[in-house]
Amino acid sequence: MSIIWYMAVMAGITYLIRMIPFTLFRKKIKSPFFRSFLYYIPYAVLSAMTIPAIFYSTGNLYTATVGTAVAVVLSYFGKPLTVVALCSALAAFAADFIF
């Protein structure tokens, strides 16, 4: 029974988070500063949540660093997301045998 309440609260909060900006900002935002601020917020939040999770995911800082380095290099060369994810996971797994 409590899971229904949890889901109802989660649905309400999710709805409010998405509804409030539409009710507060009815006109188009014309400020270039505020528009650029809102444009970069998702990237900043995603980075702030992802980077710590990357380095604590394996339980070993060295293996996480190796996996991250492989992911950054492959991403820089424009490889697909699946290739980057698989290769970085394999690199971290292989580094676990070394460290």
PDB file of N, CA and C in Angstrom:
ATOM      1  N   MET A   1       0.821  -1.200   0.000  1.00  0.00           N
ATOM      2  CA  MET A   1       0.000   0.000   0.000  1.00  0.00           C
ATOM      3  C   MET A   1       0.860   1.257   0.000  1.00  0.00           C
ATOM      4  N   SER A   2       2.003   1.206   0.699  1.00  0.00           N
ATOM      5  CA  SER A   2       2.830   2.410   0.766  1.00  0.00           C
ATOM      6  C   SER A   2       3.476   2.724  -0.577  1.00  0.00           C
ATOM      7  N   ILE A   3       3.671   1.715  -1.426  1.00  0.00           N
ATOM      8  CA  ILE A   3       4.280   1.981  -2.727  1.00  0.00           C
ATOM      9  C   ILE A   3       3.357   2.839  -3.595  1.00  0.00           C
ATOM     10  N   ILE A   4       2.058   2.703  -3.405  1.00  0.00           N
ATOM     11  CA  ILE A   4       1.108   3.539  -4.148  1.00  0.00           C
ATOM     12  C   ILE A   4       1.267   4.993  -3.730  1.00  0.00           C
ATOM     13  N   TRP A   5       1.447   5.235  -2.444  1.00  0.00           N
ATOM     14  CA  TRP A   5       1.656   6.599  -1.965  1.00  0.00           C
ATOM     15  C   TRP A   5       2.975   7.164  -2.495  1.00  0.00           C
ATOM     16  N   TYR A   6       4.013   6.343  -2.492  1.00  0.00           N
ATOM     17  CA  TYR A   6       5.304   6.791  -3.027  1.00  0.00           C
ATOM     18  C   TYR A   6       5.187   7.181  -4.495  1.00  0.00           C
ATOM     19  N   MET A   7       4.492   6.365  -5.252  1.00  0.00           N
ATOM     20  CA  MET A   7       4.320   6.662  -6.672  1.00  0.00           C
ATOM     21  C   MET A   7       3.461   7.902  -6.899  1.00  0.00           C
ATOM     22  N   ALA A   8       2.451   8.093  -6.073  1.00  0.00           N
ATOM     23  CA  ALA A   8       1.593   9.271  -6.193  1.00  0.00           C
ATOM     24  C   ALA A   8       2.374  10.541  -5.872  1.00  0.00           C
ATOM     25  N   VAL A   9       3.180  10.500  -4.824  1.00  0.00           N
ATOM     26  CA  VAL A   9       3.992  11.665  -4.471  1.00  0.00           C
ATOM     27  C   VAL A   9       5.012  11.951  -5.566  1.00  0.00           C
ATOM     28  N   MET A  10       5.647  10.911  -6.092  1.00  0.00           N
ATOM     29  CA  MET A  10       6.621  11.085  -7.154  1.00  0.00           C
ATOM     30  C   MET A  10       5.960  11.680  -8.401  1.00  0.00           C
ATOM     31  N   ALA A  11       4.779  11.204  -8.752  1.00  0.00           N
ATOM     32  CA  ALA A  11       4.069  11.733  -9.914  1.00  0.00           C
ATOM     33  C   ALA A  11       3.690  13.192  -9.700  1.00  0.00           C
ATOM     34  N   GLY A  12       3.237  13.529  -8.498  1.00  0.00           N
ATOM     35  CA  GLY A  12       2.879  14.921  -8.209  1.00  0.00           C
ATOM     36  C   GLY A  12       4.068  15.856  -8.278  1.00  0.00           C
ATOM     37  N   ILE A  13       5.189  15.439  -7.719  1.00  0.00           N
ATOM     38  CA  ILE A  13       6.383  16.283  -7.743  1.00  0.00           C
ATOM     39  C   ILE A  13       6.892  16.442  -9.166  1.00  0.00           C
ATOM     40  N   THR A  14       6.901  15.353  -9.929  1.00  0.00           N
ATOM     41  CA  THR A  14       7.338  15.431 -11.317  1.00  0.00           C
ATOM     42  C   THR A  14       6.438  16.366 -12.120  1.00  0.00           C
ATOM     43  N   TYR A  15       5.142  16.293 -11.883  1.00  0.00           N
ATOM     44  CA  TYR A  15       4.210  17.172 -12.572  1.00  0.00           C
ATOM     45  C   TYR A  15       4.455  18.633 -12.193  1.00  0.00           C
ATOM     46  N   LEU A  16       4.647  18.899 -10.912  1.00  0.00           N
ATOM     47  CA  LEU A  16       4.876  20.279 -10.477  1.00  0.00           C
ATOM     48  C   LEU A  16       6.164  20.851 -11.053  1.00  0.00           C
ATOM     49  N   ILE A  17       7.212  20.043 -11.100  1.00  0.00           N
ATOM     50  CA  ILE A  17       8.479  20.525 -11.641  1.00  0.00           C
ATOM     51  C   ILE A  17       8.324  20.919 -13.106  1.00  0.00           C
ATOM     52  N   ARG A  18       7.506  20.213 -13.830  1.00  0.00           N
ATOM     53  CA  ARG A  18       7.325  20.523 -15.250  1.00  0.00           C
ATOM     54  C   ARG A  18       6.264  21.592 -15.491  1.00  0.00           C
ATOM     55  N   MET A  19       5.299  21.731 -14.592  1.00  0.00           N
ATOM     56  CA  MET A  19       4.213  22.664 -14.794  1.00  0.00           C
ATOM     57  C   MET A  19       4.568  24.088 -14.351  1.00  0.00           C
ATOM     58  N   ILE A  20       5.311  24.223 -13.273  1.00  0.00           N
ATOM     59  CA  ILE A  20       5.590  25.544 -12.708  1.00  0.00           C
ATOM     60  C   ILE A  20       6.287  26.480 -13.704  1.00  0.00           C
ATOM     61  N   PRO A  21       7.319  26.051 -14.433  1.00  0.00           N
ATOM     62  CA  PRO A  21       7.912  26.985 -15.397  1.00  0.00           C
ATOM     63  C   PRO A  21       6.931  27.461 -16.468  1.00  0.00           C
ATOM     64  N   PHE A  22       6.014  26.601 -16.894  1.00  0.00           N
ATOM     65  CA  PHE A  22       5.044  27.026 -17.899  1.00  0.00           C
ATOM     66  C   PHE A  22       4.073  28.066 -17.355  1.00  0.00           C
ATOM     67  N   THR A  23       3.765  28.003 -16.086  1.00  0.00           N
ATOM     68  CA  THR A  23       2.830  28.981 -15.516  1.00  0.00           C
ATOM     69  C   THR A  23       3.532  30.284 -15.150  1.00  0.00           C
ATOM     70  N   LEU A  24       4.808  30.210 -14.773  1.00  0.00           N
ATOM     71  CA  LEU A  24       5.528  31.430 -14.391  1.00  0.00           C
ATOM     72  C   LEU A  24       6.040  32.210 -15.590  1.00  0.00           C
ATOM     73  N   PHE A  25       6.485  31.513 -16.622  1.00  0.00           N
ATOM     74  CA  PHE A  25       7.081  32.171 -17.782  1.00  0.00           C
ATOM     75  C   PHE A  25       6.161  31.986 -18.989  1.00  0.00           C
ATOM     76  N   ARG A  26       5.163  32.858 -19.080  1.00  0.00           N
ATOM     77  CA  ARG A  26       4.214  32.744 -20.188  1.00  0.00           C
ATOM     78  C   ARG A  26       4.732  33.424 -21.448  1.00  0.00           C
ATOM     79  N   LYS A  27       5.545  34.459 -21.295  1.00  0.00           N
ATOM     80  CA  LYS A  27       6.085  35.159 -22.457  1.00  0.00           C
ATOM     81  C   LYS A  27       7.448  34.574 -22.807  1.00  0.00           C
ATOM     82  N   LYS A  28       7.891  34.859 -24.025  1.00  0.00           N
ATOM     83  CA  LYS A  28       9.199  34.389 -24.456  1.00  0.00           C
ATOM     84  C   LYS A  28      10.284  35.128 -23.672  1.00  0.00           C
ATOM     85  N   ILE A  29      11.296  34.388 -23.247  1.00  0.00           N
ATOM     86  CA  ILE A  29      12.405  34.982 -22.496  1.00  0.00           C
ATOM     87  C   ILE A  29      13.320  35.678 -23.493  1.00  0.00           C
ATOM     88  N   LYS A  30      13.513  36.988 -23.308  1.00  0.00           N
ATOM     89  CA  LYS A  30      14.284  37.782 -24.264  1.00  0.00           C
ATOM     90  C   LYS A  30      15.696  38.083 -23.798  1.00  0.00           C
ATOM     91  N   SER A  31      15.979  37.903 -22.532  1.00  0.00           N
ATOM     92  CA  SER A  31      17.302  38.203 -22.010  1.00  0.00           C
ATOM     93  C   SER A  31      18.318  37.185 -22.533  1.00  0.00           C
ATOM     94  N   PRO A  32      19.364  37.647 -23.240  1.00  0.00           N
ATOM     95  CA  PRO A  32      20.362  36.704 -23.755  1.00  0.00           C
ATOM     96  C   PRO A  32      21.107  35.976 -22.637  1.00  0.00           C
ATOM     97  N   PHE A  33      21.361  36.683 -21.535  1.00  0.00           N
ATOM     98  CA  PHE A  33      22.063  36.059 -20.420  1.00  0.00           C
ATOM     99  C   PHE A  33      21.233  34.932 -19.822  1.00  0.00           C
ATOM    100  N   PHE A  34      19.956  35.211 -19.568  1.00  0.00           N
ATOM    101  CA  PHE A  34      19.091  34.206 -18.958  1.00  0.00           C
ATOM    102  C   PHE A  34      18.842  33.036 -19.901  1.00  0.00           C
ATOM    103  N   ARG A  35      18.718  33.314 -21.202  1.00  0.00           N
ATOM    104  CA  ARG A  35      18.528  32.236 -22.179  1.00  0.00           C
ATOM    105  C   ARG A  35      19.748  31.332 -22.245  1.00  0.00           C
ATOM    106  N   SER A  36      20.945  31.916 -22.243  1.00  0.00           N
ATOM    107  CA  SER A  36      22.151  31.086 -22.288  1.00  0.00           C
ATOM    108  C   SER A  36      22.320  30.327 -20.975  1.00  0.00           C
ATOM    109  N   PHE A  37      21.931  30.944 -19.865  1.00  0.00           N
ATOM    110  CA  PHE A  37      21.979  30.270 -18.570  1.00  0.00           C
ATOM    111  C   PHE A  37      21.087  29.035 -18.587  1.00  0.00           C
ATOM    112  N   LEU A  38      19.871  29.172 -19.071  1.00  0.00           N
ATOM    113  CA  LEU A  38      18.947  28.050 -19.133  1.00  0.00           C
ATOM    114  C   LEU A  38      19.395  26.995 -20.151  1.00  0.00           C
ATOM    115  N   TYR A  39      20.114  27.422 -21.176  1.00  0.00           N
ATOM    116  CA  TYR A  39      20.597  26.480 -22.181  1.00  0.00           C
ATOM    117  C   TYR A  39      21.658  25.546 -21.597  1.00  0.00           C
ATOM    118  N   TYR A  40      22.560  26.085 -20.754  1.00  0.00           N
ATOM    119  CA  TYR A  40      23.662  25.283 -20.239  1.00  0.00           C
ATOM    120  C   TYR A  40      23.355  24.545 -18.938  1.00  0.00           C
ATOM    121  N   ILE A  41      22.260  24.821 -18.297  1.00  0.00           N
ATOM    122  CA  ILE A  41      21.916  24.164 -17.031  1.00  0.00           C
ATOM    123  C   ILE A  41      21.847  22.642 -17.156  1.00  0.00           C
ATOM    124  N   PRO A  42      21.178  22.066 -18.158  1.00  0.00           N
ATOM    125  CA  PRO A  42      21.125  20.597 -18.213  1.00  0.00           C
ATOM    126  C   PRO A  42      22.503  19.954 -18.305  1.00  0.00           C
ATOM    127  N   TYR A  43      23.428  20.562 -19.048  1.00  0.00           N
ATOM    128  CA  TYR A  43      24.770  20.002 -19.169  1.00  0.00           C
ATOM    129  C   TYR A  43      25.523  20.084 -17.847  1.00  0.00           C
ATOM    130  N   ALA A  44      25.363  21.183 -17.151  1.00  0.00           N
ATOM    131  CA  ALA A  44      26.060  21.346 -15.868  1.00  0.00           C
ATOM    132  C   ALA A  44      25.515  20.358 -14.828  1.00  0.00           C
ATOM    133  N   VAL A  45      24.208  20.203 -14.774  1.00  0.00           N
ATOM    134  CA  VAL A  45      23.608  19.287 -13.804  1.00  0.00           C
ATOM    135  C   VAL A  45      23.983  17.848 -14.137  1.00  0.00           C
ATOM    136  N   LEU A  46      23.935  17.498 -15.416  1.00  0.00           N
ATOM    137  CA  LEU A  46      24.304  16.148 -15.819  1.00  0.00           C
ATOM    138  C   LEU A  46      25.756  15.853 -15.465  1.00  0.00           C
ATOM    139  N   SER A  47      26.641  16.803 -15.694  1.00  0.00           N
ATOM    140  CA  SER A  47      28.052  16.612 -15.343  1.00  0.00           C
ATOM    141  C   SER A  47      28.240  16.494 -13.836  1.00  0.00           C
ATOM    142  N   ALA A  48      27.542  17.322 -13.088  1.00  0.00           N
ATOM    143  CA  ALA A  48      27.675  17.286 -11.626  1.00  0.00           C
ATOM    144  C   ALA A  48      27.170  15.976 -11.040  1.00  0.00           C
ATOM    145  N   MET A  49      26.204  15.336 -11.689  1.00  0.00           N
ATOM    146  CA  MET A  49      25.702  14.057 -11.193  1.00  0.00           C
ATOM    147  C   MET A  49      26.526  12.883 -11.719  1.00  0.00           C
ATOM    148  N   THR A  50      27.057  12.991 -12.921  1.00  0.00           N
ATOM    149  CA  THR A  50      27.720  11.864 -13.560  1.00  0.00           C
ATOM    150  C   THR A  50      29.162  11.693 -13.121  1.00  0.00           C
ATOM    151  N   ILE A  51      29.924  12.761 -13.047  1.00  0.00           N
ATOM    152  CA  ILE A  51      31.362  12.657 -12.757  1.00  0.00           C
ATOM    153  C   ILE A  51      31.633  11.968 -11.417  1.00  0.00           C
ATOM    154  N   PRO A  52      30.990  12.346 -10.318  1.00  0.00           N
ATOM    155  CA  PRO A  52      31.246  11.599  -9.074  1.00  0.00           C
ATOM    156  C   PRO A  52      30.817  10.137  -9.165  1.00  0.00           C
ATOM    157  N   ALA A  53      29.724   9.874  -9.857  1.00  0.00           N
ATOM    158  CA  ALA A  53      29.268   8.489  -9.993  1.00  0.00           C
ATOM    159  C   ALA A  53      30.268   7.649 -10.777  1.00  0.00           C
ATOM    160  N   ILE A  54      30.939   8.253 -11.737  1.00  0.00           N
ATOM    161  CA  ILE A  54      31.937   7.526 -12.528  1.00  0.00           C
ATOM    162  C   ILE A  54      33.082   7.077 -11.638  1.00  0.00           C
ATOM    163  N   PHE A  55      33.586   7.969 -10.814  1.00  0.00           N
ATOM    164  CA  PHE A  55      34.788   7.654 -10.047  1.00  0.00           C
ATOM    165  C   PHE A  55      34.512   6.801  -8.812  1.00  0.00           C
ATOM    166  N   TYR A  56      33.258   6.657  -8.420  1.00  0.00           N
ATOM    167  CA  TYR A  56      32.931   5.780  -7.294  1.00  0.00           C
ATOM    168  C   TYR A  56      32.249   4.495  -7.749  1.00  0.00           C
ATOM    169  N   SER A  57      32.113   4.290  -9.056  1.00  0.00           N
ATOM    170  CA  SER A  57      31.356   3.143  -9.551  1.00  0.00           C
ATOM    171  C   SER A  57      32.091   1.820  -9.392  1.00  0.00           C
ATOM    172  N   THR A  58      33.408   1.808  -9.537  1.00  0.00           N
ATOM    173  CA  THR A  58      34.137   0.544  -9.492  1.00  0.00           C
ATOM    174  C   THR A  58      34.675   0.228  -8.111  1.00  0.00           C
ATOM    175  N   GLY A  59      34.718   1.179  -7.227  1.00  0.00           N
ATOM    176  CA  GLY A  59      35.294   0.954  -5.913  1.00  0.00           C
ATOM    177  C   GLY A  59      36.806   1.098  -5.904  1.00  0.00           C
ATOM    178  N   ASN A  60      37.395   1.371  -7.050  1.00  0.00           N
ATOM    179  CA  ASN A  60      38.836   1.551  -7.174  1.00  0.00           C
ATOM    180  C   ASN A  60      39.068   2.761  -8.067  1.00  0.00           C
ATOM    181  N   LEU A  61      39.767   3.747  -7.557  1.00  0.00           N
ATOM    182  CA  LEU A  61      39.971   4.984  -8.299  1.00  0.00           C
ATOM    183  C   LEU A  61      40.757   4.749  -9.584  1.00  0.00           C
ATOM    184  N   TYR A  62      41.715   3.832  -9.568  1.00  0.00           N
ATOM    185  CA  TYR A  62      42.547   3.593 -10.745  1.00  0.00           C
ATOM    186  C   TYR A  62      41.749   2.971 -11.891  1.00  0.00           C
ATOM    187  N   THR A  63      40.938   1.993 -11.597  1.00  0.00           N
ATOM    188  CA  THR A  63      40.149   1.370 -12.662  1.00  0.00           C
ATOM    189  C   THR A  63      39.106   2.338 -13.222  1.00  0.00           C
ATOM    190  N   ALA A  64      38.532   3.162 -12.354  1.00  0.00           N
ATOM    191  CA  ALA A  64      37.573   4.162 -12.821  1.00  0.00           C
ATOM    192  C   ALA A  64      38.252   5.205 -13.699  1.00  0.00           C
ATOM    193  N   THR A  65      39.481   5.572 -13.350  1.00  0.00           N
ATOM    194  CA  THR A  65      40.222   6.545 -14.152  1.00  0.00           C
ATOM    195  C   THR A  65      40.572   5.972 -15.519  1.00  0.00           C
ATOM    196  N   VAL A  66      40.966   4.707 -15.564  1.00  0.00           N
ATOM    197  CA  VAL A  66      41.267   4.064 -16.845  1.00  0.00           C
ATOM    198  C   VAL A  66      40.015   4.006 -17.727  1.00  0.00           C
ATOM    199  N   GLY A  67      38.906   3.602 -17.167  1.00  0.00           N
ATOM    200  CA  GLY A  67      37.661   3.554 -17.929  1.00  0.00           C
ATOM    201  C   GLY A  67      37.229   4.920 -18.419  1.00  0.00           C
ATOM    202  N   THR A  68      37.388   5.929 -17.591  1.00  0.00           N
ATOM    203  CA  THR A  68      37.030   7.291 -17.983  1.00  0.00           C
ATOM    204  C   THR A  68      37.944   7.795 -19.092  1.00  0.00           C
ATOM    205  N   ALA A  69      39.236   7.522 -18.978  1.00  0.00           N
ATOM    206  CA  ALA A  69      40.178   7.960 -20.008  1.00  0.00           C
ATOM    207  C   ALA A  69      39.855   7.318 -21.352  1.00  0.00           C
ATOM    208  N   VAL A  70      39.546   6.036 -21.356  1.00  0.00           N
ATOM    209  CA  VAL A  70      39.172   5.357 -22.604  1.00  0.00           C
ATOM    210  C   VAL A  70      37.895   5.974 -23.179  1.00  0.00           C
ATOM    211  N   ALA A  71      36.933   6.257 -22.322  1.00  0.00           N
ATOM    212  CA  ALA A  71      35.676   6.852 -22.782  1.00  0.00           C
ATOM    213  C   ALA A  71      35.903   8.241 -23.378  1.00  0.00           C
ATOM    214  N   VAL A  72      36.747   9.036 -22.744  1.00  0.00           N
ATOM    215  CA  VAL A  72      37.014  10.392 -23.247  1.00  0.00           C
ATOM    216  C   VAL A  72      37.718  10.330 -24.598  1.00  0.00           C
ATOM    217  N   VAL A  73      38.705   9.462 -24.723  1.00  0.00           N
ATOM    218  CA  VAL A  73      39.446   9.360 -25.986  1.00  0.00           C
ATOM    219  C   VAL A  73      38.533   8.880 -27.115  1.00  0.00           C
ATOM    220  N   LEU A  74      37.754   7.835 -26.857  1.00  0.00           N
ATOM    221  CA  LEU A  74      36.857   7.331 -27.895  1.00  0.00           C
ATOM    222  C   LEU A  74      35.775   8.345 -28.256  1.00  0.00           C
ATOM    223  N   SER A  75      35.291   9.076 -27.277  1.00  0.00           N
ATOM    224  CA  SER A  75      34.288  10.115 -27.549  1.00  0.00           C
ATOM    225  C   SER A  75      34.891  11.247 -28.370  1.00  0.00           C
ATOM    226  N   TYR A  76      36.128  11.578 -28.082  1.00  0.00           N
ATOM    227  CA  TYR A  76      36.805  12.645 -28.829  1.00  0.00           C
ATOM    228  C   TYR A  76      36.910  12.288 -30.313  1.00  0.00           C
ATOM    229  N   PHE A  77      37.116  11.014 -30.597  1.00  0.00           N
ATOM    230  CA  PHE A  77      37.228  10.574 -31.984  1.00  0.00           C
ATOM    231  C   PHE A  77      35.879  10.256 -32.616  1.00  0.00           C
ATOM    232  N   GLY A  78      34.799  10.543 -31.923  1.00  0.00           N
ATOM    233  CA  GLY A  78      33.457  10.450 -32.494  1.00  0.00           C
ATOM    234  C   GLY A  78      32.888   9.054 -32.602  1.00  0.00           C
ATOM    235  N   LYS A  79      33.308   8.163 -31.744  1.00  0.00           N
ATOM    236  CA  LYS A  79      32.776   6.799 -31.771  1.00  0.00           C
ATOM    237  C   LYS A  79      31.350   6.786 -31.212  1.00  0.00           C
ATOM    238  N   PRO A  80      30.538   5.805 -31.628  1.00  0.00           N
ATOM    239  CA  PRO A  80      29.155   5.725 -31.123  1.00  0.00           C
ATOM    240  C   PRO A  80      29.114   5.436 -29.620  1.00  0.00           C
ATOM    241  N   LEU A  81      28.005   5.798 -29.011  1.00  0.00           N
ATOM    242  CA  LEU A  81      27.850   5.651 -27.569  1.00  0.00           C
ATOM    243  C   LEU A  81      27.999   4.204 -27.111  1.00  0.00           C
ATOM    244  N   THR A  82      27.483   3.270 -27.878  1.00  0.00           N
ATOM    245  CA  THR A  82      27.591   1.859 -27.495  1.00  0.00           C
ATOM    246  C   THR A  82      29.042   1.403 -27.470  1.00  0.00           C
ATOM    247  N   VAL A  83      29.805   1.821 -28.464  1.00  0.00           N
ATOM    248  CA  VAL A  83      31.222   1.458 -28.528  1.00  0.00           C
ATOM    249  C   VAL A  83      31.977   2.074 -27.358  1.00  0.00           C
ATOM    250  N   VAL A  84      31.698   3.339 -27.068  1.00  0.00           N
ATOM    251  CA  VAL A  84      32.360   4.019 -25.953  1.00  0.00           C
ATOM    252  C   VAL A  84      32.044   3.330 -24.637  1.00  0.00           C
ATOM    253  N   ALA A  85      30.779   3.012 -24.406  1.00  0.00           N
ATOM    254  CA  ALA A  85      30.384   2.379 -23.146  1.00  0.00           C
ATOM    255  C   ALA A  85      31.003   0.993 -22.991  1.00  0.00           C
ATOM    256  N   LEU A  86      30.955   0.189 -24.047  1.00  0.00           N
ATOM    257  CA  LEU A  86      31.519  -1.154 -23.965  1.00  0.00           C
ATOM    258  C   LEU A  86      33.035  -1.137 -23.788  1.00  0.00           C
ATOM    259  N   CYS A  87      33.718  -0.313 -24.545  1.00  0.00           N
ATOM    260  CA  CYS A  87      35.178  -0.265 -24.447  1.00  0.00           C
ATOM    261  C   CYS A  87      35.644   0.287 -23.099  1.00  0.00           C
ATOM    262  N   SER A  88      34.962   1.287 -22.580  1.00  0.00           N
ATOM    263  CA  SER A  88      35.370   1.830 -21.288  1.00  0.00           C
ATOM    264  C   SER A  88      35.097   0.828 -20.166  1.00  0.00           C
ATOM    265  N   ALA A  89      34.001   0.102 -20.263  1.00  0.00           N
ATOM    266  CA  ALA A  89      33.720  -0.929 -19.256  1.00  0.00           C
ATOM    267  C   ALA A  89      34.744  -2.058 -19.330  1.00  0.00           C
ATOM    268  N   LEU A  90      35.097  -2.472 -20.545  1.00  0.00           N
ATOM    269  CA  LEU A  90      36.116  -3.507 -20.703  1.00  0.00           C
ATOM    270  C   LEU A  90      37.480  -3.035 -20.224  1.00  0.00           C
ATOM    271  N   ALA A  91      37.810  -1.778 -20.474  1.00  0.00           N
ATOM    272  CA  ALA A  91      39.079  -1.234 -20.014  1.00  0.00           C
ATOM    273  C   ALA A  91      39.133  -1.188 -18.489  1.00  0.00           C
ATOM    274  N   ALA A  92      38.042  -0.790 -17.861  1.00  0.00           N
ATOM    275  CA  ALA A  92      38.010  -0.764 -16.398  1.00  0.00           C
ATOM    276  C   ALA A  92      38.088  -2.181 -15.831  1.00  0.00           C
ATOM    277  N   PHE A  93      37.432  -3.119 -16.497  1.00  0.00           N
ATOM    278  CA  PHE A  93      37.489  -4.518 -16.059  1.00  0.00           C
ATOM    279  C   PHE A  93      38.912  -5.077 -16.197  1.00  0.00           C
ATOM    280  N   ALA A  94      39.554  -4.764 -17.326  1.00  0.00           N
ATOM    281  CA  ALA A  94      40.939  -5.227 -17.527  1.00  0.00           C
ATOM    282  C   ALA A  94      41.902  -4.561 -16.560  1.00  0.00           C
ATOM    283  N   ALA A  95      41.676  -3.306 -16.250  1.00  0.00           N
ATOM    284  CA  ALA A  95      42.541  -2.601 -15.318  1.00  0.00           C
ATOM    285  C   ALA A  95      42.396  -3.158 -13.901  1.00  0.00           C
ATOM    286  N   ASP A  96      41.271  -3.790 -13.623  1.00  0.00           N
ATOM    287  CA  ASP A  96      41.066  -4.374 -12.307  1.00  0.00           C
ATOM    288  C   ASP A  96      42.053  -5.520 -12.051  1.00  0.00           C
ATOM    289  N   PHE A  97      42.464  -6.201 -13.116  1.00  0.00           N
ATOM    290  CA  PHE A  97      43.445  -7.268 -12.966  1.00  0.00           C
ATOM    291  C   PHE A  97      44.849  -6.714 -12.712  1.00  0.00           C
ATOM    292  N   ILE A  98      45.116  -5.503 -13.174  1.00  0.00           N
ATOM    293  CA  ILE A  98      46.439  -4.892 -13.006  1.00  0.00           C
ATOM    294  C   ILE A  98      46.561  -4.208 -11.656  1.00  0.00           C
ATOM    295  N   PHE A  99      45.526  -3.457 -11.285  1.00  0.00           N
ATOM    296  CA  PHE A  99      45.596  -2.682 -10.038  1.00  0.00           C
ATOM    297  C   PHE A  99      44.985  -3.490  -8.944  1.00  0.00           C
TER     298      PHE A  99
END
